[in-house]
PDB file of all heavy atoms in Angstrom:
ATOM      1  N   ALA A   1       0.878  -1.164  -0.030  1.00  0.00           N
ATOM      2  CA  ALA A   1       0.019   0.037   0.089  1.00  0.00           C
ATOM      3  C   ALA A   1       0.914   1.272  -0.053  1.00  0.00           C
ATOM      4  O   ALA A   1       1.836   1.338   0.860  1.00  0.00           O
ATOM      5  CB  ALA A   1      -0.953  -0.030   1.207  1.00  0.00           C
ATOM      6  N   ALA A   2       0.564   2.092  -0.926  1.00  0.00           N
ATOM      7  CA  ALA A   2       1.390   3.379  -0.990  1.00  0.00           C
ATOM      8  C   ALA A   2       0.564   4.500  -0.227  1.00  0.00           C
ATOM      9  O   ALA A   2      -0.589   4.478  -0.186  1.00  0.00           O
ATOM     10  CB  ALA A   2       1.561   3.820  -2.473  1.00  0.00           C
ATOM     11  N   SER A   3       1.311   5.462   0.218  1.00  0.00           N
ATOM     12  CA  SER A   3       0.666   6.510   1.069  1.00  0.00           C
ATOM     13  C   SER A   3       0.167   7.646   0.308  1.00  0.00           C
ATOM     14  O   SER A   3      -0.564   8.469   0.785  1.00  0.00           O
ATOM     15  CB  SER A   3       1.715   7.046   1.953  1.00  0.00           C
ATOM     16  OG  SER A   3       2.762   7.713   1.253  1.00  0.00           O
ATOM     17  N   ARG A   4       0.399   7.783  -1.028  1.00  0.00           N
ATOM     18  CA  ARG A   4      -0.046   8.964  -1.772  1.00  0.00           C
ATOM     19  C   ARG A   4      -0.545   8.491  -3.153  1.00  0.00           C
ATOM     20  O   ARG A   4      -0.132   7.562  -3.734  1.00  0.00           O
ATOM     21  CB  ARG A   4       1.113   9.844  -2.103  1.00  0.00           C
ATOM     22  CG  ARG A   4       1.573  10.503  -0.721  1.00  0.00           C
ATOM     23  CD  ARG A   4       2.766  11.549  -0.935  1.00  0.00           C
ATOM     24  NE  ARG A   4       2.362  12.652  -1.831  1.00  0.00           N
ATOM     25  CZ  ARG A   4       3.012  13.574  -2.428  1.00  0.00           C
ATOM     26  NH1 ARG A   4       4.323  13.413  -2.168  1.00  0.00           N
ATOM     27  NH2 ARG A   4       2.475  14.522  -3.140  1.00  0.00           N
ATOM     28  N   SER A   5      -1.501   9.212  -3.655  1.00  0.00           N
ATOM     29  CA  SER A   5      -2.182   8.873  -4.920  1.00  0.00           C
ATOM     30  C   SER A   5      -1.298   9.172  -6.065  1.00  0.00           C
ATOM     31  O   SER A   5      -1.598   8.653  -7.096  1.00  0.00           O
ATOM     32  CB  SER A   5      -3.518   9.655  -5.028  1.00  0.00           C
ATOM     33  OG  SER A   5      -3.202  11.135  -5.153  1.00  0.00           O
ATOM     34  N   ILE A   6      -0.142   9.835  -5.819  1.00  0.00           N
ATOM     35  CA  ILE A   6       0.835   9.870  -6.903  1.00  0.00           C
ATOM     36  C   ILE A   6       1.301   8.504  -7.306  1.00  0.00           C
ATOM     37  O   ILE A   6       1.950   8.363  -8.387  1.00  0.00           O
ATOM     38  CB  ILE A   6       2.033  10.761  -6.532  1.00  0.00           C
ATOM     39  CG1 ILE A   6       2.905  11.073  -7.746  1.00  0.00           C
ATOM     40  CG2 ILE A   6       2.895  10.075  -5.466  1.00  0.00           C
ATOM     41  CD1 ILE A   6       3.985  12.165  -7.407  1.00  0.00           C
ATOM     42  N   PHE A   7       0.955   7.503  -6.610  1.00  0.00           N
ATOM     43  CA  PHE A   7       1.309   6.054  -6.860  1.00  0.00           C
ATOM     44  C   PHE A   7       0.943   5.684  -8.305  1.00  0.00           C
ATOM     45  O   PHE A   7       1.662   4.957  -8.921  1.00  0.00           O
ATOM     46  CB  PHE A   7       0.626   5.253  -5.837  1.00  0.00           C
ATOM     47  CG  PHE A   7       0.540   3.858  -6.210  1.00  0.00           C
ATOM     48  CD1 PHE A   7       1.579   2.901  -5.894  1.00  0.00           C
ATOM     49  CD2 PHE A   7      -0.638   3.278  -6.885  1.00  0.00           C
ATOM     50  CE1 PHE A   7       1.477   1.540  -6.368  1.00  0.00           C
ATOM     51  CE2 PHE A   7      -0.723   1.964  -7.134  1.00  0.00           C
ATOM     52  CZ  PHE A   7       0.280   1.214  -6.878  1.00  0.00           C
ATOM     53  N   ARG A   8      -0.213   6.238  -8.748  1.00  0.00           N
ATOM     54  CA  ARG A   8      -0.726   5.806  -9.983  1.00  0.00           C
ATOM     55  C   ARG A   8       0.202   6.165 -11.156  1.00  0.00           C
ATOM     56  O   ARG A   8       0.123   5.706 -12.251  1.00  0.00           O
ATOM     57  CB  ARG A   8      -2.092   6.445 -10.198  1.00  0.00           C
ATOM     58  CG  ARG A   8      -2.094   7.921 -10.478  1.00  0.00           C
ATOM     59  CD  ARG A   8      -3.591   8.351 -10.553  1.00  0.00           C
ATOM     60  NE  ARG A   8      -4.243   8.091  -9.281  1.00  0.00           N
ATOM     61  CZ  ARG A   8      -5.596   7.876  -9.166  1.00  0.00           C
ATOM     62  NH1 ARG A   8      -6.314   7.832 -10.181  1.00  0.00           N
ATOM     63  NH2 ARG A   8      -6.075   7.633  -7.993  1.00  0.00           N
ATOM     64  N   PHE A   9       1.147   7.051 -10.992  1.00  0.00           N
ATOM     65  CA  PHE A   9       2.004   7.543 -11.976  1.00  0.00           C
ATOM     66  C   PHE A   9       3.431   6.868 -11.945  1.00  0.00           C
ATOM     67  O   PHE A   9       4.280   7.033 -12.715  1.00  0.00           O
ATOM     68  CB  PHE A   9       2.218   9.082 -12.029  1.00  0.00           C
ATOM     69  CG  PHE A   9       0.941   9.791 -12.035  1.00  0.00           C
ATOM     70  CD1 PHE A   9       0.362  10.556 -10.981  1.00  0.00           C
ATOM     71  CD2 PHE A   9       0.270   9.788 -13.301  1.00  0.00           C
ATOM     72  CE1 PHE A   9      -0.731  11.371 -11.152  1.00  0.00           C
ATOM     73  CE2 PHE A   9      -0.888  10.489 -13.402  1.00  0.00           C
ATOM     74  CZ  PHE A   9      -1.351  11.236 -12.283  1.00  0.00           C
ATOM     75  N   ILE A  10       3.478   6.001 -10.875  1.00  0.00           N
ATOM     76  CA  ILE A  10       4.913   5.448 -10.569  1.00  0.00           C
ATOM     77  C   ILE A  10       4.904   3.968 -11.203  1.00  0.00           C
ATOM     78  O   ILE A  10       4.089   3.132 -10.980  1.00  0.00           O
ATOM     79  CB  ILE A  10       5.107   5.360  -9.040  1.00  0.00           C
ATOM     80  CG1 ILE A  10       5.088   6.750  -8.471  1.00  0.00           C
ATOM     81  CG2 ILE A  10       6.499   4.629  -8.815  1.00  0.00           C
ATOM     82  CD1 ILE A  10       5.197   6.701  -6.957  1.00  0.00           C
ATOM     83  N   ASP A  11       5.962   3.716 -11.911  1.00  0.00           N
ATOM     84  CA  ASP A  11       6.274   2.409 -12.418  1.00  0.00           C
ATOM     85  C   ASP A  11       6.783   1.682 -11.110  1.00  0.00           C
ATOM     86  O   ASP A  11       7.709   2.085 -10.518  1.00  0.00           O
ATOM     87  CB  ASP A  11       7.351   2.402 -13.496  1.00  0.00           C
ATOM     88  CG  ASP A  11       6.778   2.951 -14.806  1.00  0.00           C
ATOM     89  OD1 ASP A  11       5.678   3.107 -14.857  1.00  0.00           O
ATOM     90  OD2 ASP A  11       7.723   3.322 -15.578  1.00  0.00           O
ATOM     91  N   MET A  12       6.131   0.525 -10.711  1.00  0.00           N
ATOM     92  CA  MET A  12       6.387  -0.051  -9.501  1.00  0.00           C
ATOM     93  C   MET A  12       7.112  -1.394  -9.638  1.00  0.00           C
ATOM     94  O   MET A  12       7.048  -2.139 -10.795  1.00  0.00           O
ATOM     95  CB  MET A  12       5.071  -0.343  -8.825  1.00  0.00           C
ATOM     96  CG  MET A  12       4.364   0.824  -8.229  1.00  0.00           C
ATOM     97  SD  MET A  12       5.302   1.665  -6.995  1.00  0.00           S
ATOM     98  CE  MET A  12       5.437   0.423  -5.744  1.00  0.00           C
ATOM     99  N   GLY A  13       7.855  -1.811  -8.668  1.00  0.00           N
ATOM    100  CA  GLY A  13       8.499  -3.072  -8.653  1.00  0.00           C
ATOM    101  C   GLY A  13       8.416  -3.848  -7.331  1.00  0.00           C
ATOM    102  O   GLY A  13       8.242  -3.296  -6.226  1.00  0.00           O
ATOM    103  N   TRP A  14       8.529  -5.216  -7.427  1.00  0.00           N
ATOM    104  CA  TRP A  14       8.684  -5.949  -6.136  1.00  0.00           C
ATOM    105  C   TRP A  14      10.075  -6.549  -6.142  1.00  0.00           C
ATOM    106  O   TRP A  14      10.599  -7.004  -7.093  1.00  0.00           O
ATOM    107  CB  TRP A  14       7.589  -7.167  -6.184  1.00  0.00           C
ATOM    108  CG  TRP A  14       6.281  -6.868  -5.714  1.00  0.00           C
ATOM    109  CD1 TRP A  14       5.068  -6.632  -6.378  1.00  0.00           C
ATOM    110  CD2 TRP A  14       5.901  -6.702  -4.349  1.00  0.00           C
ATOM    111  NE1 TRP A  14       4.096  -6.312  -5.515  1.00  0.00           N
ATOM    112  CE2 TRP A  14       4.481  -6.493  -4.329  1.00  0.00           C
ATOM    113  CE3 TRP A  14       6.492  -6.900  -3.153  1.00  0.00           C
ATOM    114  CZ2 TRP A  14       3.830  -6.405  -3.080  1.00  0.00           C
ATOM    115  CZ3 TRP A  14       5.785  -6.798  -1.862  1.00  0.00           C
ATOM    116  CH2 TRP A  14       4.486  -6.494  -1.961  1.00  0.00           C
ATOM    117  N   TYR A  15      10.739  -6.464  -4.954  1.00  0.00           N
ATOM    118  CA  TYR A  15      12.082  -6.769  -4.804  1.00  0.00           C
ATOM    119  C   TYR A  15      12.019  -7.812  -3.732  1.00  0.00           C
ATOM    120  O   TYR A  15      11.176  -7.970  -2.898  1.00  0.00           O
ATOM    121  CB  TYR A  15      12.896  -5.657  -4.415  1.00  0.00           C
ATOM    122  CG  TYR A  15      12.862  -4.416  -5.335  1.00  0.00           C
ATOM    123  CD1 TYR A  15      11.907  -3.619  -5.417  1.00  0.00           C
ATOM    124  CD2 TYR A  15      14.117  -4.220  -6.049  1.00  0.00           C
ATOM    125  CE1 TYR A  15      11.894  -2.468  -6.374  1.00  0.00           C
ATOM    126  CE2 TYR A  15      14.107  -3.231  -6.982  1.00  0.00           C
ATOM    127  CZ  TYR A  15      12.993  -2.279  -7.155  1.00  0.00           C
ATOM    128  OH  TYR A  15      13.073  -1.297  -8.047  1.00  0.00           O
ATOM    129  N   ARG A  16      13.210  -8.658  -3.738  1.00  0.00           N
ATOM    130  CA  ARG A  16      13.400  -9.468  -2.597  1.00  0.00           C
ATOM    131  C   ARG A  16      14.915  -9.588  -2.145  1.00  0.00           C
ATOM    132  O   ARG A  16      15.752  -9.375  -3.029  1.00  0.00           O
ATOM    133  CB  ARG A  16      12.843 -10.899  -2.836  1.00  0.00           C
ATOM    134  CG  ARG A  16      13.669 -11.591  -3.977  1.00  0.00           C
ATOM    135  CD  ARG A  16      12.951 -13.029  -4.261  1.00  0.00           C
ATOM    136  NE  ARG A  16      13.675 -13.786  -5.261  1.00  0.00           N
ATOM    137  CZ  ARG A  16      13.137 -14.907  -5.804  1.00  0.00           C
ATOM    138  NH1 ARG A  16      11.955 -15.399  -5.382  1.00  0.00           N
ATOM    139  NH2 ARG A  16      13.989 -15.522  -6.738  1.00  0.00           N
ATOM    140  N   GLN A  17      15.128  -9.810  -0.869  1.00  0.00           N
ATOM    141  CA  GLN A  17      16.480  -9.968  -0.370  1.00  0.00           C
ATOM    142  C   GLN A  17      16.509 -11.195   0.479  1.00  0.00           C
ATOM    143  O   GLN A  17      15.873 -11.165   1.473  1.00  0.00           O
ATOM    144  CB  GLN A  17      16.823  -8.706   0.299  1.00  0.00           C
ATOM    145  CG  GLN A  17      18.315  -8.722   0.829  1.00  0.00           C
ATOM    146  CD  GLN A  17      18.721  -7.323   1.251  1.00  0.00           C
ATOM    147  OE1 GLN A  17      17.938  -6.514   1.690  1.00  0.00           O
ATOM    148  NE2 GLN A  17      20.078  -7.057   1.051  1.00  0.00           N
ATOM    149  N   ALA A  18      17.266 -12.110   0.030  1.00  0.00           N
ATOM    150  CA  ALA A  18      17.515 -13.349   0.919  1.00  0.00           C
ATOM    151  C   ALA A  18      18.746 -13.102   1.649  1.00  0.00           C
ATOM    152  O   ALA A  18      19.629 -12.176   1.479  1.00  0.00           O
ATOM    153  CB  ALA A  18      17.773 -14.507  -0.082  1.00  0.00           C
ATOM    154  N   PRO A  19      18.871 -13.821   2.759  1.00  0.00           N
ATOM    155  CA  PRO A  19      19.965 -13.624   3.820  1.00  0.00           C
ATOM    156  C   PRO A  19      21.359 -13.653   3.095  1.00  0.00           C
ATOM    157  O   PRO A  19      21.596 -14.710   2.343  1.00  0.00           O
ATOM    158  CB  PRO A  19      19.847 -14.699   4.815  1.00  0.00           C
ATOM    159  CG  PRO A  19      18.386 -15.055   4.839  1.00  0.00           C
ATOM    160  CD  PRO A  19      17.910 -14.809   3.323  1.00  0.00           C
ATOM    161  N   GLY A  20      22.199 -12.740   3.227  1.00  0.00           N
ATOM    162  CA  GLY A  20      23.553 -12.692   2.634  1.00  0.00           C
ATOM    163  C   GLY A  20      23.590 -12.353   1.195  1.00  0.00           C
ATOM    164  O   GLY A  20      24.661 -12.417   0.553  1.00  0.00           O
ATOM    165  N   GLN A  21      22.397 -12.071   0.532  1.00  0.00           N
ATOM    166  CA  GLN A  21      22.402 -11.798  -0.874  1.00  0.00           C
ATOM    167  C   GLN A  21      21.920 -10.263  -1.075  1.00  0.00           C
ATOM    168  O   GLN A  21      21.330  -9.660  -0.113  1.00  0.00           O
ATOM    169  CB  GLN A  21      21.423 -12.640  -1.461  1.00  0.00           C
ATOM    170  CG  GLN A  21      21.884 -14.221  -1.460  1.00  0.00           C
ATOM    171  CD  GLN A  21      21.088 -15.076  -2.403  1.00  0.00           C
ATOM    172  OE1 GLN A  21      20.450 -14.607  -3.401  1.00  0.00           O
ATOM    173  NE2 GLN A  21      21.250 -16.363  -2.082  1.00  0.00           N
ATOM    174  N   GLN A  22      22.166  -9.787  -2.198  1.00  0.00           N
ATOM    175  CA  GLN A  22      21.780  -8.394  -2.594  1.00  0.00           C
ATOM    176  C   GLN A  22      20.153  -8.465  -2.865  1.00  0.00           C
ATOM    177  O   GLN A  22      19.706  -9.481  -3.327  1.00  0.00           O
ATOM    178  CB  GLN A  22      22.468  -7.943  -3.827  1.00  0.00           C
ATOM    179  CG  GLN A  22      24.014  -7.719  -3.568  1.00  0.00           C
ATOM    180  CD  GLN A  22      24.706  -6.915  -4.682  1.00  0.00           C
ATOM    181  OE1 GLN A  22      24.216  -7.085  -5.735  1.00  0.00           O
ATOM    182  NE2 GLN A  22      25.674  -6.176  -4.318  1.00  0.00           N
ATOM    183  N   ARG A  23      19.597  -7.266  -2.619  1.00  0.00           N
ATOM    184  CA  ARG A  23      18.283  -7.101  -3.108  1.00  0.00           C
ATOM    185  C   ARG A  23      18.127  -7.200  -4.586  1.00  0.00           C
ATOM    186  O   ARG A  23      18.887  -6.590  -5.375  1.00  0.00           O
ATOM    187  CB  ARG A  23      17.676  -5.795  -2.538  1.00  0.00           C
ATOM    188  CG  ARG A  23      16.302  -5.560  -2.587  1.00  0.00           C
ATOM    189  CD  ARG A  23      15.927  -4.380  -1.814  1.00  0.00           C
ATOM    190  NE  ARG A  23      16.187  -4.431  -0.452  1.00  0.00           N
ATOM    191  CZ  ARG A  23      16.162  -3.443   0.412  1.00  0.00           C
ATOM    192  NH1 ARG A  23      15.604  -2.263   0.002  1.00  0.00           N
ATOM    193  NH2 ARG A  23      16.463  -3.534   1.663  1.00  0.00           N
ATOM    194  N   GLU A  24      17.089  -7.981  -5.061  1.00  0.00           N
ATOM    195  CA  GLU A  24      16.898  -8.037  -6.484  1.00  0.00           C
ATOM    196  C   GLU A  24      15.524  -7.798  -6.855  1.00  0.00           C
ATOM    197  O   GLU A  24      14.517  -8.033  -6.110  1.00  0.00           O
ATOM    198  CB  GLU A  24      17.231  -9.596  -6.949  1.00  0.00           C
ATOM    199  CG  GLU A  24      16.298 -10.593  -6.339  1.00  0.00           C
ATOM    200  CD  GLU A  24      16.666 -11.971  -6.905  1.00  0.00           C
ATOM    201  OE1 GLU A  24      17.023 -12.003  -8.151  1.00  0.00           O
ATOM    202  OE2 GLU A  24      16.119 -12.907  -6.332  1.00  0.00           O
ATOM    203  N   LEU A  25      15.290  -7.155  -8.083  1.00  0.00           N
ATOM    204  CA  LEU A  25      14.037  -7.028  -8.671  1.00  0.00           C
ATOM    205  C   LEU A  25      13.369  -8.268  -9.171  1.00  0.00           C
ATOM    206  O   LEU A  25      14.131  -8.903 -10.120  1.00  0.00           O
ATOM    207  CB  LEU A  25      14.131  -5.859  -9.631  1.00  0.00           C
ATOM    208  CG  LEU A  25      12.794  -5.484 -10.482  1.00  0.00           C
ATOM    209  CD1 LEU A  25      11.950  -4.675  -9.519  1.00  0.00           C
ATOM    210  CD2 LEU A  25      13.202  -4.488 -11.567  1.00  0.00           C
ATOM    211  N   VAL A  26      12.221  -8.635  -8.773  1.00  0.00           N
ATOM    212  CA  VAL A  26      11.665  -9.843  -9.274  1.00  0.00           C
ATOM    213  C   VAL A  26      10.563  -9.502 -10.275  1.00  0.00           C
ATOM    214  O   VAL A  26      10.152 -10.429 -11.020  1.00  0.00           O
ATOM    215  CB  VAL A  26      11.229 -10.746  -8.150  1.00  0.00           C
ATOM    216  CG1 VAL A  26      12.434 -11.251  -7.420  1.00  0.00           C
ATOM    217  CG2 VAL A  26      10.160 -10.216  -7.264  1.00  0.00           C
ATOM    218  N   ALA A  27       9.811  -8.388 -10.151  1.00  0.00           N
ATOM    219  CA  ALA A  27       8.749  -8.130 -10.963  1.00  0.00           C
ATOM    220  C   ALA A  27       8.357  -6.671 -10.999  1.00  0.00           C
ATOM    221  O   ALA A  27       8.711  -6.018 -10.063  1.00  0.00           O
ATOM    222  CB  ALA A  27       7.483  -8.830 -10.455  1.00  0.00           C
ATOM    223  N   SER A  28       8.009  -6.147 -12.113  1.00  0.00           N
ATOM    224  CA  SER A  28       7.697  -4.756 -12.195  1.00  0.00           C
ATOM    225  C   SER A  28       6.381  -4.585 -13.064  1.00  0.00           C
ATOM    226  O   SER A  28       6.063  -5.350 -13.909  1.00  0.00           O
ATOM    227  CB  SER A  28       8.814  -4.029 -12.838  1.00  0.00           C
ATOM    228  OG  SER A  28       9.074  -4.429 -14.310  1.00  0.00           O
ATOM    229  N   ILE A  29       5.843  -3.371 -12.862  1.00  0.00           N
ATOM    230  CA  ILE A  29       4.635  -3.177 -13.586  1.00  0.00           C
ATOM    231  C   ILE A  29       4.596  -1.577 -13.824  1.00  0.00           C
ATOM    232  O   ILE A  29       4.872  -0.771 -12.908  1.00  0.00           O
ATOM    233  CB  ILE A  29       3.341  -3.547 -12.746  1.00  0.00           C
ATOM    234  CG1 ILE A  29       2.023  -3.254 -13.676  1.00  0.00           C
ATOM    235  CG2 ILE A  29       3.141  -2.852 -11.444  1.00  0.00           C
ATOM    236  CD1 ILE A  29       0.826  -3.915 -13.087  1.00  0.00           C
ATOM    237  N   THR A  30       4.382  -1.137 -15.049  1.00  0.00           N
ATOM    238  CA  THR A  30       4.434   0.258 -15.310  1.00  0.00           C
ATOM    239  C   THR A  30       3.028   0.986 -14.847  1.00  0.00           C
ATOM    240  O   THR A  30       2.112   0.179 -14.510  1.00  0.00           O
ATOM    241  CB  THR A  30       4.468   0.455 -16.911  1.00  0.00           C
ATOM    242  OG1 THR A  30       3.423   0.044 -17.532  1.00  0.00           O
ATOM    243  CG2 THR A  30       5.791  -0.197 -17.340  1.00  0.00           C
ATOM    244  N   SER A  31       2.988   2.171 -14.955  1.00  0.00           N
ATOM    245  CA  SER A  31       1.782   2.908 -14.637  1.00  0.00           C
ATOM    246  C   SER A  31       0.625   2.437 -15.463  1.00  0.00           C
ATOM    247  O   SER A  31      -0.583   2.615 -15.097  1.00  0.00           O
ATOM    248  CB  SER A  31       1.996   4.486 -14.652  1.00  0.00           C
ATOM    249  OG  SER A  31       2.400   4.772 -15.843  1.00  0.00           O
ATOM    250  N   SER A  32       0.935   2.143 -16.612  1.00  0.00           N
ATOM    251  CA  SER A  32      -0.107   1.682 -17.631  1.00  0.00           C
ATOM    252  C   SER A  32      -0.474   0.201 -17.614  1.00  0.00           C
ATOM    253  O   SER A  32      -1.247  -0.302 -18.347  1.00  0.00           O
ATOM    254  CB  SER A  32       0.315   2.192 -19.050  1.00  0.00           C
ATOM    255  OG  SER A  32       1.404   1.617 -19.411  1.00  0.00           O
ATOM    256  N   GLY A  33       0.335  -0.551 -16.687  1.00  0.00           N
ATOM    257  CA  GLY A  33      -0.014  -1.977 -16.547  1.00  0.00           C
ATOM    258  C   GLY A  33       0.783  -2.997 -17.266  1.00  0.00           C
ATOM    259  O   GLY A  33       0.577  -4.166 -17.181  1.00  0.00           O
ATOM    260  N   ASN A  34       1.923  -2.562 -17.995  1.00  0.00           N
ATOM    261  CA  ASN A  34       2.809  -3.474 -18.600  1.00  0.00           C
ATOM    262  C   ASN A  34       3.713  -4.134 -17.587  1.00  0.00           C
ATOM    263  O   ASN A  34       4.232  -3.446 -16.683  1.00  0.00           O
ATOM    264  CB  ASN A  34       3.622  -2.761 -19.657  1.00  0.00           C
ATOM    265  CG  ASN A  34       2.850  -2.322 -20.808  1.00  0.00           C
ATOM    266  OD1 ASN A  34       1.964  -3.010 -21.362  1.00  0.00           O
ATOM    267  ND2 ASN A  34       3.067  -1.012 -21.203  1.00  0.00           N
ATOM    268  N   THR A  35       3.876  -5.364 -17.646  1.00  0.00           N
ATOM    269  CA  THR A  35       4.626  -6.161 -16.693  1.00  0.00           C
ATOM    270  C   THR A  35       5.891  -6.748 -17.173  1.00  0.00           C
ATOM    271  O   THR A  35       6.014  -7.015 -18.341  1.00  0.00           O
ATOM    272  CB  THR A  35       3.660  -7.262 -15.996  1.00  0.00           C
ATOM    273  OG1 THR A  35       3.291  -8.209 -17.142  1.00  0.00           O
ATOM    274  CG2 THR A  35       2.358  -6.770 -15.415  1.00  0.00           C
ATOM    275  N   ASP A  36       6.710  -7.022 -16.280  1.00  0.00           N
ATOM    276  CA  ASP A  36       8.123  -7.700 -16.680  1.00  0.00           C
ATOM    277  C   ASP A  36       8.483  -8.496 -15.402  1.00  0.00           C
ATOM    278  O   ASP A  36       8.184  -8.201 -14.263  1.00  0.00           O
ATOM    279  CB  ASP A  36       9.139  -6.777 -17.015  1.00  0.00           C
ATOM    280  CG  ASP A  36      10.315  -7.362 -17.797  1.00  0.00           C
ATOM    281  OD1 ASP A  36      10.206  -8.582 -18.137  1.00  0.00           O
ATOM    282  OD2 ASP A  36      11.298  -6.759 -17.816  1.00  0.00           O
ATOM    283  N   TYR A  37       9.168  -9.718 -15.627  1.00  0.00           N
ATOM    284  CA  TYR A  37       9.514 -10.559 -14.542  1.00  0.00           C
ATOM    285  C   TYR A  37      10.964 -11.020 -14.604  1.00  0.00           C
ATOM    286  O   TYR A  37      11.475 -11.194 -15.713  1.00  0.00           O
ATOM    287  CB  TYR A  37       8.574 -11.754 -14.549  1.00  0.00           C
ATOM    288  CG  TYR A  37       7.147 -11.519 -14.328  1.00  0.00           C
ATOM    289  CD1 TYR A  37       6.316 -11.206 -15.433  1.00  0.00           C
ATOM    290  CD2 TYR A  37       6.664 -11.392 -13.046  1.00  0.00           C
ATOM    291  CE1 TYR A  37       5.024 -10.988 -15.296  1.00  0.00           C
ATOM    292  CE2 TYR A  37       5.306 -10.983 -12.881  1.00  0.00           C
ATOM    293  CZ  TYR A  37       4.495 -10.810 -14.060  1.00  0.00           C
ATOM    294  OH  TYR A  37       3.190 -10.485 -13.801  1.00  0.00           O
ATOM    295  N   ALA A  38      11.632 -11.288 -13.527  1.00  0.00           N
ATOM    296  CA  ALA A  38      12.905 -11.931 -13.499  1.00  0.00           C
ATOM    297  C   ALA A  38      12.637 -13.400 -14.049  1.00  0.00           C
ATOM    298  O   ALA A  38      11.679 -14.012 -13.848  1.00  0.00           O
ATOM    299  CB  ALA A  38      13.384 -11.989 -12.154  1.00  0.00           C
ATOM    300  N   HIS A  39      13.705 -13.859 -14.589  1.00  0.00           N
ATOM    301  CA  HIS A  39      13.620 -15.249 -15.199  1.00  0.00           C
ATOM    302  C   HIS A  39      13.211 -16.325 -14.050  1.00  0.00           C
ATOM    303  O   HIS A  39      12.498 -17.322 -14.378  1.00  0.00           O
ATOM    304  CB  HIS A  39      14.926 -15.608 -15.881  1.00  0.00           C
ATOM    305  CG  HIS A  39      14.932 -17.039 -16.330  1.00  0.00           C
ATOM    306  ND1 HIS A  39      14.336 -17.424 -17.603  1.00  0.00           N
ATOM    307  CD2 HIS A  39      15.496 -18.161 -15.916  1.00  0.00           C
ATOM    308  CE1 HIS A  39      14.536 -18.758 -17.834  1.00  0.00           C
ATOM    309  NE2 HIS A  39      15.279 -19.086 -16.673  1.00  0.00           N
ATOM    310  N   SER A  40      13.788 -16.101 -12.836  1.00  0.00           N
ATOM    311  CA  SER A  40      13.566 -17.025 -11.874  1.00  0.00           C
ATOM    312  C   SER A  40      12.072 -17.220 -11.327  1.00  0.00           C
ATOM    313  O   SER A  40      11.697 -18.157 -10.783  1.00  0.00           O
ATOM    314  CB  SER A  40      14.443 -16.678 -10.762  1.00  0.00           C
ATOM    315  OG  SER A  40      14.078 -15.387 -10.200  1.00  0.00           O
ATOM    316  N   VAL A  41      11.317 -16.187 -11.778  1.00  0.00           N
ATOM    317  CA  VAL A  41       9.928 -16.127 -11.212  1.00  0.00           C
ATOM    318  C   VAL A  41       8.941 -16.083 -12.374  1.00  0.00           C
ATOM    319  O   VAL A  41       7.655 -16.334 -12.052  1.00  0.00           O
ATOM    320  CB  VAL A  41       9.594 -14.917 -10.283  1.00  0.00           C
ATOM    321  CG1 VAL A  41      10.630 -14.965  -9.172  1.00  0.00           C
ATOM    322  CG2 VAL A  41       9.523 -13.658 -10.990  1.00  0.00           C
ATOM    323  N   LYS A  42       9.355 -16.070 -13.526  1.00  0.00           N
ATOM    324  CA  LYS A  42       8.408 -15.932 -14.665  1.00  0.00           C
ATOM    325  C   LYS A  42       7.642 -17.142 -14.876  1.00  0.00           C
ATOM    326  O   LYS A  42       8.012 -18.304 -14.669  1.00  0.00           O
ATOM    327  CB  LYS A  42       9.246 -15.716 -15.999  1.00  0.00           C
ATOM    328  CG  LYS A  42       8.451 -15.341 -17.153  1.00  0.00           C
ATOM    329  CD  LYS A  42       9.144 -14.885 -18.348  1.00  0.00           C
ATOM    330  CE  LYS A  42       9.908 -13.688 -18.106  1.00  0.00           C
ATOM    331  NZ  LYS A  42      10.705 -13.109 -19.244  1.00  0.00           N
ATOM    332  N   GLY A  43       6.280 -17.069 -14.889  1.00  0.00           N
ATOM    333  CA  GLY A  43       5.314 -18.176 -15.116  1.00  0.00           C
ATOM    334  C   GLY A  43       4.752 -18.638 -13.639  1.00  0.00           C
ATOM    335  O   GLY A  43       3.843 -19.440 -13.671  1.00  0.00           O
TER     336      GLY A  43
END
């Protein structure tokens, strides 16, 4: 949940960080709804 309605203009991403590893982007969605996924989670 985002705190401001400007959210609708932001291309958003979900990230994850496992212990001892760098944070990685796993999925993203543009303000217009186009999506993209890391290979490890696609499907």
